[in-house]
């Protein structure tokens, strides 16, 4: 039997993500105001919106060009979140990016509007910026945070 899950309120997701703006970039961290990477941002929003993280995140590579047959990040999100077609992603959705052709998805952001998103970016920290065509064409997966 398929379990039906309700999505979290997009406004709550966006407010949680915006509360991380200005947090410095720090690889594999997830501490608001102290440091995080893109996955750490998503983890922090999860904790605020959904609750305790369901499992510890194993160490991962920073290599955006990493190739492989398994979409590790997407597989993890599929276990915990509500997947939707990329074309249906709207404000509050977690989006995964494939940064290089042939690589696996290795970057995440949260849509705040149809044309804007928040993400943690090396040297810039957590920022909100336009979802340009260069970013949009790299989106490969989209998910909704479940309601707590």
N, C-alpha and C. Protein backbone atom coordinates (compact mmCIF):
# COMPACT_ATOMS: atom_id res chain seq x y z
N UNK A 1 0.84 -1.18 0.00
CA UNK A 1 0.00 0.00 0.00
C UNK A 1 0.89 1.24 0.00
N UNK A 2 0.61 2.18 -0.87
CA UNK A 2 1.39 3.41 -0.97
C UNK A 2 0.97 4.38 0.12
N UNK A 3 1.96 4.93 0.79
CA UNK A 3 1.70 5.90 1.85
C UNK A 3 1.56 7.29 1.23
N UNK A 4 0.46 7.95 1.50
CA UNK A 4 0.23 9.30 0.99
C UNK A 4 0.81 10.28 2.01
N UNK A 5 1.66 11.15 1.53
CA UNK A 5 2.28 12.13 2.42
C UNK A 5 1.82 13.52 2.03
N UNK A 6 1.64 14.34 3.01
CA UNK A 6 1.24 15.72 2.80
C UNK A 6 2.50 16.59 2.78
N UNK A 7 2.52 17.54 1.87
CA UNK A 7 3.67 18.43 1.77
C UNK A 7 3.61 19.51 2.84
N UNK A 8 4.78 19.93 3.28
CA UNK A 8 4.89 21.04 4.23
C UNK A 8 4.46 22.33 3.55
N UNK A 9 4.06 23.28 4.36
CA UNK A 9 3.67 24.59 3.86
C UNK A 9 4.87 25.26 3.19
N UNK A 10 4.75 25.63 1.90
CA UNK A 10 5.89 26.24 1.21
C UNK A 10 6.39 27.52 1.88
N UNK A 11 5.48 28.30 2.44
CA UNK A 11 5.89 29.53 3.13
C UNK A 11 6.78 29.24 4.32
N UNK A 12 6.48 28.17 5.02
CA UNK A 12 7.30 27.78 6.17
C UNK A 12 8.69 27.31 5.72
N UNK A 13 8.73 26.56 4.63
CA UNK A 13 10.01 26.09 4.08
C UNK A 13 10.86 27.29 3.66
N UNK A 14 10.25 28.23 2.95
CA UNK A 14 10.99 29.40 2.46
C UNK A 14 11.48 30.25 3.63
N UNK A 15 10.63 30.46 4.63
CA UNK A 15 11.05 31.25 5.80
C UNK A 15 12.22 30.57 6.51
N UNK A 16 12.16 29.25 6.63
CA UNK A 16 13.26 28.53 7.27
C UNK A 16 14.54 28.68 6.45
N UNK A 17 14.44 28.54 5.14
CA UNK A 17 15.63 28.69 4.27
C UNK A 17 16.19 30.11 4.36
N UNK A 18 15.32 31.10 4.35
CA UNK A 18 15.80 32.49 4.41
C UNK A 18 16.47 32.80 5.74
N UNK A 19 16.09 32.10 6.80
CA UNK A 19 16.74 32.34 8.09
C UNK A 19 18.21 31.92 8.08
N UNK A 20 18.62 31.17 7.06
CA UNK A 20 20.02 30.75 6.92
C UNK A 20 20.84 31.72 6.06
N UNK A 21 20.20 32.71 5.43
CA UNK A 21 20.93 33.65 4.57
C UNK A 21 22.09 34.27 5.35
N UNK A 22 23.24 34.33 4.70
CA UNK A 22 24.44 34.89 5.31
C UNK A 22 25.28 33.88 6.06
N UNK A 23 24.78 32.66 6.25
CA UNK A 23 25.58 31.63 6.91
C UNK A 23 26.79 31.33 6.02
N UNK A 24 27.99 31.35 6.56
CA UNK A 24 29.19 31.07 5.75
C UNK A 24 29.18 29.64 5.19
N UNK A 25 29.88 29.46 4.09
CA UNK A 25 30.03 28.13 3.51
C UNK A 25 31.04 27.34 4.33
N UNK A 26 30.67 26.12 4.66
CA UNK A 26 31.60 25.20 5.32
C UNK A 26 31.21 23.79 4.90
N UNK A 27 32.14 23.11 4.25
CA UNK A 27 31.89 21.77 3.71
C UNK A 27 31.40 20.81 4.80
N UNK A 28 30.30 20.12 4.52
CA UNK A 28 29.72 19.07 5.35
C UNK A 28 29.25 19.54 6.72
N UNK A 29 28.99 20.84 6.87
CA UNK A 29 28.47 21.38 8.12
C UNK A 29 27.00 21.74 7.96
N UNK A 30 26.31 21.93 9.08
CA UNK A 30 24.90 22.29 9.06
C UNK A 30 24.53 23.04 10.35
N UNK A 31 25.18 24.20 10.55
CA UNK A 31 24.92 25.02 11.73
C UNK A 31 24.57 26.44 11.28
N UNK A 32 23.31 26.81 11.45
CA UNK A 32 22.85 28.13 11.01
C UNK A 32 23.69 29.23 11.64
N UNK A 33 24.15 30.16 10.83
CA UNK A 33 24.95 31.28 11.29
C UNK A 33 26.42 30.96 11.47
N UNK A 34 26.76 29.67 11.49
CA UNK A 34 28.14 29.24 11.72
C UNK A 34 28.75 28.71 10.43
N UNK A 35 28.07 27.78 9.76
CA UNK A 35 28.59 27.23 8.52
C UNK A 35 27.76 26.08 8.00
N UNK A 36 27.67 25.99 6.67
CA UNK A 36 26.98 24.87 6.03
C UNK A 36 27.38 24.81 4.56
N UNK A 37 27.13 23.65 3.98
CA UNK A 37 27.19 23.52 2.53
C UNK A 37 25.76 23.39 2.04
N UNK A 38 25.56 23.10 0.76
CA UNK A 38 24.21 23.07 0.23
C UNK A 38 23.36 21.99 0.89
N UNK A 39 23.93 20.82 1.13
CA UNK A 39 23.18 19.76 1.79
C UNK A 39 22.93 20.11 3.25
N UNK A 40 23.89 20.77 3.88
CA UNK A 40 23.70 21.21 5.26
C UNK A 40 22.56 22.20 5.39
N UNK A 41 22.40 23.08 4.41
CA UNK A 41 21.27 24.00 4.38
C UNK A 41 19.96 23.21 4.32
N UNK A 42 19.87 22.25 3.40
CA UNK A 42 18.66 21.44 3.27
C UNK A 42 18.38 20.67 4.57
N UNK A 43 19.42 20.16 5.20
CA UNK A 43 19.27 19.44 6.47
C UNK A 43 18.73 20.37 7.56
N UNK A 44 19.23 21.60 7.60
CA UNK A 44 18.76 22.57 8.58
C UNK A 44 17.30 22.94 8.37
N UNK A 45 16.92 23.11 7.12
CA UNK A 45 15.51 23.40 6.81
C UNK A 45 14.66 22.20 7.21
N UNK A 46 15.13 21.00 6.93
CA UNK A 46 14.40 19.78 7.33
C UNK A 46 14.15 19.80 8.84
N UNK A 47 15.20 20.05 9.61
CA UNK A 47 15.06 20.05 11.07
C UNK A 47 14.02 21.06 11.54
N UNK A 48 13.98 22.22 10.90
CA UNK A 48 13.03 23.26 11.28
C UNK A 48 11.59 22.91 10.87
N UNK A 49 11.44 22.36 9.69
CA UNK A 49 10.11 22.12 9.12
C UNK A 49 9.54 20.76 9.50
N UNK A 50 10.39 19.73 9.48
CA UNK A 50 9.92 18.35 9.66
C UNK A 50 10.25 17.81 11.05
N UNK A 51 11.47 18.02 11.50
CA UNK A 51 11.90 17.50 12.80
C UNK A 51 13.26 16.87 12.70
N UNK A 52 13.53 15.99 13.60
CA UNK A 52 14.84 15.34 13.66
C UNK A 52 15.18 14.64 12.35
N UNK A 53 16.45 14.69 11.99
CA UNK A 53 16.89 14.00 10.78
C UNK A 53 16.75 12.49 10.98
N UNK A 54 16.23 11.78 9.98
CA UNK A 54 15.93 10.35 10.15
C UNK A 54 17.16 9.44 10.19
N UNK A 55 18.28 9.89 9.66
CA UNK A 55 19.50 9.09 9.70
C UNK A 55 20.70 10.00 9.51
N UNK A 56 21.85 9.58 10.02
CA UNK A 56 23.06 10.41 9.86
C UNK A 56 23.51 10.43 8.40
N UNK A 57 24.04 11.55 7.98
CA UNK A 57 24.52 11.71 6.62
C UNK A 57 25.98 11.25 6.58
N UNK A 58 26.29 10.27 5.73
CA UNK A 58 27.69 9.83 5.65
C UNK A 58 28.55 10.89 4.95
N UNK A 59 29.86 10.84 5.14
CA UNK A 59 30.74 11.78 4.43
C UNK A 59 30.52 11.66 2.92
N UNK A 60 30.71 12.77 2.22
CA UNK A 60 30.49 12.79 0.78
C UNK A 60 31.54 13.67 0.11
N UNK A 61 31.71 13.42 -1.17
CA UNK A 61 32.70 14.14 -1.97
C UNK A 61 32.16 15.51 -2.40
N UNK A 62 33.04 16.48 -2.49
CA UNK A 62 32.68 17.82 -2.97
C UNK A 62 32.73 17.90 -4.50
N UNK A 63 33.14 16.85 -5.16
CA UNK A 63 33.38 16.86 -6.60
C UNK A 63 32.09 16.92 -7.41
N UNK A 64 31.79 18.10 -7.97
CA UNK A 64 30.58 18.27 -8.79
C UNK A 64 30.67 17.50 -10.10
N UNK A 65 31.84 17.06 -10.48
CA UNK A 65 32.01 16.29 -11.71
C UNK A 65 31.97 14.79 -11.48
N UNK A 66 31.65 14.37 -10.24
CA UNK A 66 31.63 12.94 -9.91
C UNK A 66 30.64 12.20 -10.80
N UNK A 67 31.09 11.09 -11.34
CA UNK A 67 30.23 10.27 -12.19
C UNK A 67 29.89 8.98 -11.46
N UNK A 68 28.92 8.28 -11.96
CA UNK A 68 28.53 7.02 -11.36
C UNK A 68 27.16 6.62 -11.87
N UNK A 69 26.75 5.45 -11.48
CA UNK A 69 25.45 4.96 -11.94
C UNK A 69 24.36 5.20 -10.89
N UNK A 70 24.74 5.57 -9.69
CA UNK A 70 23.77 5.77 -8.61
C UNK A 70 23.68 7.24 -8.23
N UNK A 71 22.48 7.75 -8.23
CA UNK A 71 22.22 9.13 -7.82
C UNK A 71 22.03 9.15 -6.30
N UNK A 72 23.12 9.17 -5.57
CA UNK A 72 23.09 9.02 -4.11
C UNK A 72 22.21 10.09 -3.45
N UNK A 73 22.38 11.34 -3.83
CA UNK A 73 21.62 12.43 -3.24
C UNK A 73 20.12 12.27 -3.53
N UNK A 74 19.80 11.98 -4.78
CA UNK A 74 18.39 11.80 -5.16
C UNK A 74 17.80 10.56 -4.47
N UNK A 75 18.58 9.49 -4.39
CA UNK A 75 18.09 8.27 -3.72
C UNK A 75 17.73 8.56 -2.27
N UNK A 76 18.57 9.32 -1.59
CA UNK A 76 18.29 9.68 -0.20
C UNK A 76 17.04 10.54 -0.09
N UNK A 77 16.91 11.52 -0.98
CA UNK A 77 15.73 12.39 -0.95
C UNK A 77 14.46 11.60 -1.24
N UNK A 78 14.53 10.62 -2.14
CA UNK A 78 13.36 9.81 -2.47
C UNK A 78 12.86 9.03 -1.26
N UNK A 79 13.74 8.68 -0.35
CA UNK A 79 13.35 7.94 0.85
C UNK A 79 12.61 8.82 1.86
N UNK A 80 12.90 10.12 1.85
CA UNK A 80 12.40 11.00 2.91
C UNK A 80 11.42 12.06 2.43
N UNK A 81 11.43 12.37 1.15
CA UNK A 81 10.68 13.52 0.66
C UNK A 81 9.64 13.08 -0.38
N UNK A 82 8.90 14.04 -0.89
CA UNK A 82 7.87 13.80 -1.89
C UNK A 82 8.43 14.23 -3.24
N UNK A 83 8.68 13.27 -4.11
CA UNK A 83 9.25 13.60 -5.42
C UNK A 83 8.16 14.13 -6.34
N UNK A 84 8.53 15.07 -7.19
CA UNK A 84 7.61 15.59 -8.18
C UNK A 84 8.37 15.88 -9.46
N UNK A 85 7.66 15.96 -10.58
CA UNK A 85 8.34 16.31 -11.83
C UNK A 85 8.99 17.69 -11.72
N UNK A 86 10.15 17.83 -12.30
CA UNK A 86 10.88 19.11 -12.25
C UNK A 86 9.99 20.25 -12.74
N UNK A 87 9.21 20.00 -13.79
CA UNK A 87 8.36 21.04 -14.36
C UNK A 87 7.30 21.52 -13.37
N UNK A 88 6.97 20.70 -12.37
CA UNK A 88 5.96 21.06 -11.37
C UNK A 88 6.55 21.70 -10.12
N UNK A 89 7.86 21.85 -10.06
CA UNK A 89 8.50 22.41 -8.87
C UNK A 89 8.16 23.89 -8.74
N UNK A 90 7.71 24.27 -7.56
CA UNK A 90 7.38 25.66 -7.28
C UNK A 90 8.04 26.10 -5.99
N UNK A 91 7.68 27.28 -5.51
CA UNK A 91 8.27 27.78 -4.27
C UNK A 91 8.16 26.77 -3.14
N UNK A 92 9.27 26.61 -2.42
CA UNK A 92 9.35 25.66 -1.32
C UNK A 92 9.92 24.31 -1.72
N UNK A 93 10.08 24.07 -3.00
CA UNK A 93 10.61 22.78 -3.47
C UNK A 93 12.13 22.74 -3.34
N UNK A 94 12.63 21.57 -2.99
CA UNK A 94 14.06 21.30 -2.99
C UNK A 94 14.41 20.84 -4.40
N UNK A 95 15.39 21.48 -5.00
CA UNK A 95 15.80 21.11 -6.36
C UNK A 95 17.24 20.62 -6.33
N UNK A 96 17.50 19.58 -7.13
CA UNK A 96 18.85 19.00 -7.24
C UNK A 96 19.40 19.34 -8.62
N UNK A 97 20.67 19.70 -8.64
CA UNK A 97 21.33 20.12 -9.87
C UNK A 97 22.41 19.13 -10.27
N UNK A 98 22.48 18.84 -11.56
CA UNK A 98 23.59 18.11 -12.15
C UNK A 98 24.49 19.18 -12.77
N UNK A 99 25.66 19.38 -12.19
CA UNK A 99 26.49 20.50 -12.59
C UNK A 99 27.30 20.27 -13.86
N UNK A 100 27.52 19.01 -14.21
CA UNK A 100 28.26 18.70 -15.44
C UNK A 100 27.57 17.56 -16.16
N UNK A 101 27.60 17.59 -17.47
CA UNK A 101 27.04 16.50 -18.28
C UNK A 101 27.72 15.20 -17.91
N UNK A 102 26.92 14.18 -17.68
CA UNK A 102 27.46 12.87 -17.34
C UNK A 102 27.74 12.68 -15.86
N UNK A 103 27.65 13.75 -15.08
CA UNK A 103 27.90 13.67 -13.64
C UNK A 103 26.59 13.38 -12.91
N UNK A 104 26.71 12.96 -11.65
CA UNK A 104 25.52 12.77 -10.84
C UNK A 104 25.13 14.11 -10.20
N UNK A 105 23.89 14.22 -9.75
CA UNK A 105 23.41 15.45 -9.10
C UNK A 105 24.18 15.63 -7.79
N UNK A 106 24.78 16.80 -7.61
CA UNK A 106 25.62 17.05 -6.43
C UNK A 106 25.38 18.40 -5.76
N UNK A 107 24.38 19.14 -6.20
CA UNK A 107 24.11 20.45 -5.61
C UNK A 107 22.61 20.58 -5.38
N UNK A 108 22.23 21.25 -4.28
CA UNK A 108 20.81 21.43 -3.98
C UNK A 108 20.51 22.89 -3.66
N UNK A 109 19.28 23.25 -3.90
CA UNK A 109 18.78 24.57 -3.56
C UNK A 109 17.31 24.48 -3.24
N UNK A 110 16.75 25.57 -2.76
CA UNK A 110 15.33 25.62 -2.41
C UNK A 110 14.72 26.80 -3.17
N UNK A 111 13.69 26.50 -3.97
CA UNK A 111 13.01 27.56 -4.71
C UNK A 111 12.27 28.49 -3.76
N UNK A 112 12.41 29.78 -3.97
CA UNK A 112 11.69 30.77 -3.17
C UNK A 112 10.63 31.48 -4.01
N UNK A 113 10.73 31.36 -5.30
CA UNK A 113 9.80 31.94 -6.28
C UNK A 113 10.05 31.18 -7.59
N UNK A 114 9.21 31.34 -8.57
CA UNK A 114 9.47 30.63 -9.83
C UNK A 114 10.84 30.95 -10.44
N UNK A 115 11.38 32.13 -10.12
CA UNK A 115 12.65 32.54 -10.73
C UNK A 115 13.75 32.84 -9.72
N UNK A 116 13.62 32.35 -8.48
CA UNK A 116 14.64 32.60 -7.46
C UNK A 116 14.83 31.36 -6.60
N UNK A 117 16.05 31.22 -6.04
CA UNK A 117 16.32 30.10 -5.16
C UNK A 117 17.40 30.46 -4.15
N UNK A 118 17.44 29.68 -3.08
CA UNK A 118 18.44 29.82 -2.03
C UNK A 118 19.32 28.59 -2.06
N UNK A 119 20.63 28.80 -1.93
CA UNK A 119 21.57 27.69 -1.85
C UNK A 119 22.83 28.15 -1.15
N UNK A 120 23.65 27.20 -0.74
CA UNK A 120 24.94 27.51 -0.13
C UNK A 120 25.99 27.30 -1.21
N UNK A 121 26.78 28.31 -1.43
CA UNK A 121 27.74 28.31 -2.53
C UNK A 121 29.11 28.64 -1.96
N UNK A 122 30.10 27.85 -2.36
CA UNK A 122 31.46 28.05 -1.86
C UNK A 122 31.90 29.50 -2.07
N UNK A 123 32.53 30.06 -1.08
CA UNK A 123 33.04 31.44 -1.01
C UNK A 123 31.94 32.48 -0.82
N UNK A 124 30.68 32.14 -1.07
CA UNK A 124 29.59 33.11 -0.91
C UNK A 124 28.69 32.79 0.28
N UNK A 125 28.68 31.55 0.72
CA UNK A 125 27.79 31.15 1.79
C UNK A 125 26.37 30.99 1.30
N UNK A 126 25.41 31.13 2.20
CA UNK A 126 24.01 30.94 1.83
C UNK A 126 23.48 32.24 1.23
N UNK A 127 23.03 32.13 0.00
CA UNK A 127 22.55 33.30 -0.75
C UNK A 127 21.23 32.98 -1.43
N UNK A 128 20.49 34.03 -1.74
CA UNK A 128 19.29 33.91 -2.58
C UNK A 128 19.61 34.64 -3.87
N UNK A 129 19.36 33.98 -4.98
CA UNK A 129 19.71 34.59 -6.25
C UNK A 129 18.74 34.17 -7.34
N UNK A 130 18.81 34.83 -8.50
CA UNK A 130 17.93 34.46 -9.60
C UNK A 130 18.21 33.04 -10.10
N UNK A 131 17.16 32.36 -10.47
CA UNK A 131 17.27 31.04 -11.10
C UNK A 131 17.41 31.29 -12.60
N UNK A 132 18.63 31.57 -13.01
CA UNK A 132 18.91 31.90 -14.40
C UNK A 132 18.74 30.65 -15.28
N UNK A 133 18.77 30.84 -16.57
CA UNK A 133 18.66 29.69 -17.48
C UNK A 133 19.84 28.74 -17.28
N UNK A 134 21.00 29.27 -16.92
CA UNK A 134 22.16 28.40 -16.67
C UNK A 134 21.90 27.48 -15.48
N UNK A 135 21.27 27.99 -14.44
CA UNK A 135 20.90 27.14 -13.30
C UNK A 135 19.73 26.23 -13.67
N UNK A 136 18.71 26.79 -14.29
CA UNK A 136 17.48 26.04 -14.58
C UNK A 136 17.77 24.79 -15.41
N UNK A 137 18.64 24.89 -16.39
CA UNK A 137 18.90 23.73 -17.26
C UNK A 137 19.64 22.60 -16.54
N UNK A 138 20.18 22.88 -15.37
CA UNK A 138 20.90 21.86 -14.60
C UNK A 138 20.02 21.12 -13.59
N UNK A 139 18.77 21.57 -13.41
CA UNK A 139 17.88 20.91 -12.45
C UNK A 139 17.53 19.52 -12.97
N UNK A 140 17.72 18.52 -12.12
CA UNK A 140 17.47 17.13 -12.54
C UNK A 140 16.43 16.42 -11.68
N UNK A 141 16.20 16.90 -10.47
CA UNK A 141 15.22 16.30 -9.57
C UNK A 141 14.55 17.41 -8.78
N UNK A 142 13.32 17.14 -8.32
CA UNK A 142 12.62 18.10 -7.47
C UNK A 142 11.83 17.32 -6.40
N UNK A 143 11.79 17.88 -5.22
CA UNK A 143 11.13 17.23 -4.08
C UNK A 143 10.44 18.28 -3.22
N UNK A 144 9.42 17.83 -2.50
CA UNK A 144 8.76 18.67 -1.50
C UNK A 144 9.11 18.13 -0.11
N UNK A 145 9.28 19.04 0.83
CA UNK A 145 9.46 18.62 2.22
C UNK A 145 8.12 18.08 2.71
N UNK A 146 8.11 16.98 3.43
CA UNK A 146 6.84 16.50 3.98
C UNK A 146 6.44 17.33 5.20
N UNK A 147 5.14 17.36 5.47
CA UNK A 147 4.66 18.00 6.69
C UNK A 147 5.13 17.18 7.89
N UNK A 148 5.36 17.84 9.00
CA UNK A 148 5.82 17.11 10.20
C UNK A 148 4.70 16.30 10.82
